Protein backbone atom coordinates (compact mmCIF):
# COMPACT_ATOMS: atom_id res chain seq x y z
CA UNK A 1 19.44 -17.77 -10.91
CA UNK A 2 16.57 -16.94 -7.63
CA UNK A 3 13.07 -15.64 -8.16
CA UNK A 4 13.45 -12.33 -7.11
CA UNK A 5 16.21 -11.57 -9.93
CA UNK A 6 14.78 -13.43 -12.51
CA UNK A 7 11.26 -11.59 -12.04
CA UNK A 8 12.92 -8.29 -11.75
CA UNK A 9 14.96 -9.28 -15.06
CA UNK A 10 12.03 -10.15 -16.62
CA UNK A 11 9.94 -6.79 -15.26
CA UNK A 12 13.49 -4.97 -17.04
CA UNK A 13 12.91 -6.87 -20.10
CA UNK A 14 9.33 -6.06 -20.51
CA UNK A 15 9.65 -2.87 -19.70
CA UNK A 16 11.93 -1.86 -22.27
CA UNK A 17 9.87 -3.93 -24.76
CA UNK A 18 7.00 -1.49 -23.60
CA UNK A 19 8.91 1.95 -24.11
CA UNK A 20 10.53 0.95 -27.43
CA UNK A 21 6.86 0.07 -28.92
CA UNK A 22 5.55 3.36 -27.55
CA UNK A 23 8.85 5.09 -28.81
CA UNK A 24 8.55 3.57 -32.15
CA UNK A 25 4.49 4.41 -31.87
CA UNK A 26 5.22 8.01 -30.94
CA UNK A 27 7.84 8.10 -34.21
CA UNK A 28 5.10 6.83 -36.69
CA UNK A 29 2.23 9.19 -35.13
CA UNK A 30 3.46 11.88 -32.64
CA UNK A 31 0.10 13.82 -33.33
CA UNK A 32 -2.05 15.82 -30.32
CA UNK A 33 -3.40 12.48 -28.80
CA UNK A 34 -0.11 10.38 -29.62
CA UNK A 35 0.27 9.14 -25.87
CA UNK A 36 -3.04 7.07 -25.78
CA UNK A 37 -2.18 4.88 -28.62
CA UNK A 38 1.86 4.87 -27.63
CA UNK A 39 0.80 3.73 -24.13
CA UNK A 40 -2.04 1.04 -25.48
CA UNK A 41 0.41 -0.51 -27.92
CA UNK A 42 3.41 -0.52 -25.46
CA UNK A 43 1.14 -2.04 -22.81
CA UNK A 44 -0.10 -4.65 -25.46
CA UNK A 45 2.95 -5.53 -26.44
CA UNK A 46 4.48 -5.67 -22.90
CA UNK A 47 1.98 -7.66 -21.96
CA UNK A 48 2.03 -10.95 -24.20
CA UNK A 49 6.11 -10.91 -23.38
CA UNK A 50 5.37 -10.69 -19.46
CA UNK A 51 3.25 -13.50 -19.87
CA UNK A 52 5.36 -15.57 -21.71
CA UNK A 53 8.27 -15.16 -19.51
CA UNK A 54 6.17 -15.06 -16.16
CA UNK A 55 4.45 -18.57 -17.24
CA UNK A 56 7.25 -20.45 -17.99
CA UNK A 57 10.01 -19.02 -15.88
CA UNK A 58 8.49 -17.75 -12.65
CA UNK A 59 5.57 -19.88 -12.42
CA UNK A 60 6.58 -23.18 -14.17
CA UNK A 61 2.91 -23.35 -15.55
CA UNK A 62 2.67 -25.61 -18.69
CA UNK A 63 -0.71 -25.48 -20.20
CA UNK A 64 -2.51 -28.47 -21.09
CA UNK A 65 -4.16 -27.07 -24.43
CA UNK A 66 -4.98 -23.53 -26.59
CA UNK A 67 -7.81 -23.13 -24.52
CA UNK A 68 -6.29 -23.44 -20.85
CA UNK A 69 -3.51 -21.19 -21.92
CA UNK A 70 -6.07 -18.63 -23.25
CA UNK A 71 -8.43 -18.93 -19.96
CA UNK A 72 -4.67 -18.09 -18.38
CA UNK A 73 -4.04 -15.39 -20.42
CA UNK A 74 -7.20 -13.61 -19.65
CA UNK A 75 -7.06 -14.22 -16.44
CA UNK A 76 -3.39 -12.60 -15.99
CA UNK A 77 -4.75 -9.88 -18.35
CA UNK A 78 -7.45 -9.00 -15.78
CA UNK A 79 -5.36 -9.24 -13.10
CA UNK A 80 -3.30 -6.44 -14.96
CA UNK A 81 -6.35 -4.12 -15.06
CA UNK A 82 -5.41 -2.48 -11.89
CA UNK A 83 -1.89 -2.42 -11.89
CA UNK A 84 -2.25 -0.76 -15.99
CA UNK A 85 -4.24 2.18 -14.54
CA UNK A 86 -1.56 2.90 -12.01
CA UNK A 87 1.27 2.67 -14.23
CA UNK A 88 -0.78 4.56 -16.82
CA UNK A 89 -1.57 7.30 -14.25
CA UNK A 90 2.17 7.82 -13.40
CA UNK A 91 3.13 8.35 -16.94
CA UNK A 92 0.53 10.79 -18.00
CA UNK A 93 1.05 12.54 -14.84
CA UNK A 94 4.97 12.87 -15.67
CA UNK A 95 3.98 13.90 -19.36
CA UNK A 96 1.40 16.09 -18.22
CA UNK A 97 3.70 18.06 -15.20
CA UNK A 98 7.25 17.89 -17.13
CA UNK A 99 5.98 18.07 -20.98
CA UNK A 100 8.96 16.24 -22.26
CA UNK A 101 9.30 12.53 -23.55
CA UNK A 102 12.22 11.85 -21.64
CA UNK A 103 10.06 12.37 -18.14
CA UNK A 104 6.89 11.00 -19.54
CA UNK A 105 9.28 7.77 -20.14
CA UNK A 106 10.76 8.19 -16.51
CA UNK A 107 7.13 8.24 -15.24
CA UNK A 108 6.51 5.26 -17.02
CA UNK A 109 9.30 3.14 -15.58
CA UNK A 110 8.06 4.34 -11.98
CA UNK A 111 4.57 3.06 -12.58
CA UNK A 112 5.66 -0.10 -14.05
CA UNK A 113 7.88 -0.97 -11.60
CA UNK A 114 5.05 -0.26 -8.89
CA UNK A 115 2.55 -2.00 -11.32
CA UNK A 116 5.14 -5.38 -11.90
CA UNK A 117 5.33 -5.71 -7.65
CA UNK A 118 1.45 -5.89 -7.51
CA UNK A 119 1.07 -7.87 -10.59
CA UNK A 120 3.11 -10.81 -8.91
CA UNK A 121 1.00 -10.45 -5.55
CA UNK A 122 -2.02 -11.00 -7.92
CA UNK A 123 -0.85 -13.51 -10.02
CA UNK A 124 0.42 -16.38 -7.62
CA UNK A 125 -2.73 -16.02 -5.31
CA UNK A 126 -5.39 -15.83 -8.41
CA UNK A 127 -3.63 -16.72 -11.66
CA UNK A 128 -0.71 -19.63 -11.38
CA UNK A 129 -2.18 -21.39 -7.88
CA UNK A 130 -1.29 -24.63 -7.65
CA UNK A 131 -4.41 -27.29 -7.03
């Protein structure tokens, strides 16, 4: 399977996990500020899923120990800060503009798609580099 197909598949999996987590949070709490905890938790769960898939199947990285793995996860997460703001900005923009949960999730999918493309570029250059 080509790298592009695998990466796309894993991005889709992480996006589905993110949206499902957001939906679960929305079902539990749907108050005035329910958007923000749902986005945060969805992002966190999606981040962990995507890290595990990318590390093993995209970059074939094997940690020597838990400290190295923790360092890689922190670096991976830091590379995602900019892309997360893009994703969140688009999702919030869709939520504000259309005022429906369905369109908010459409914004999330668009934002995550852009973010994951950028994230791959950053990860291959700065996180999973071969020495």
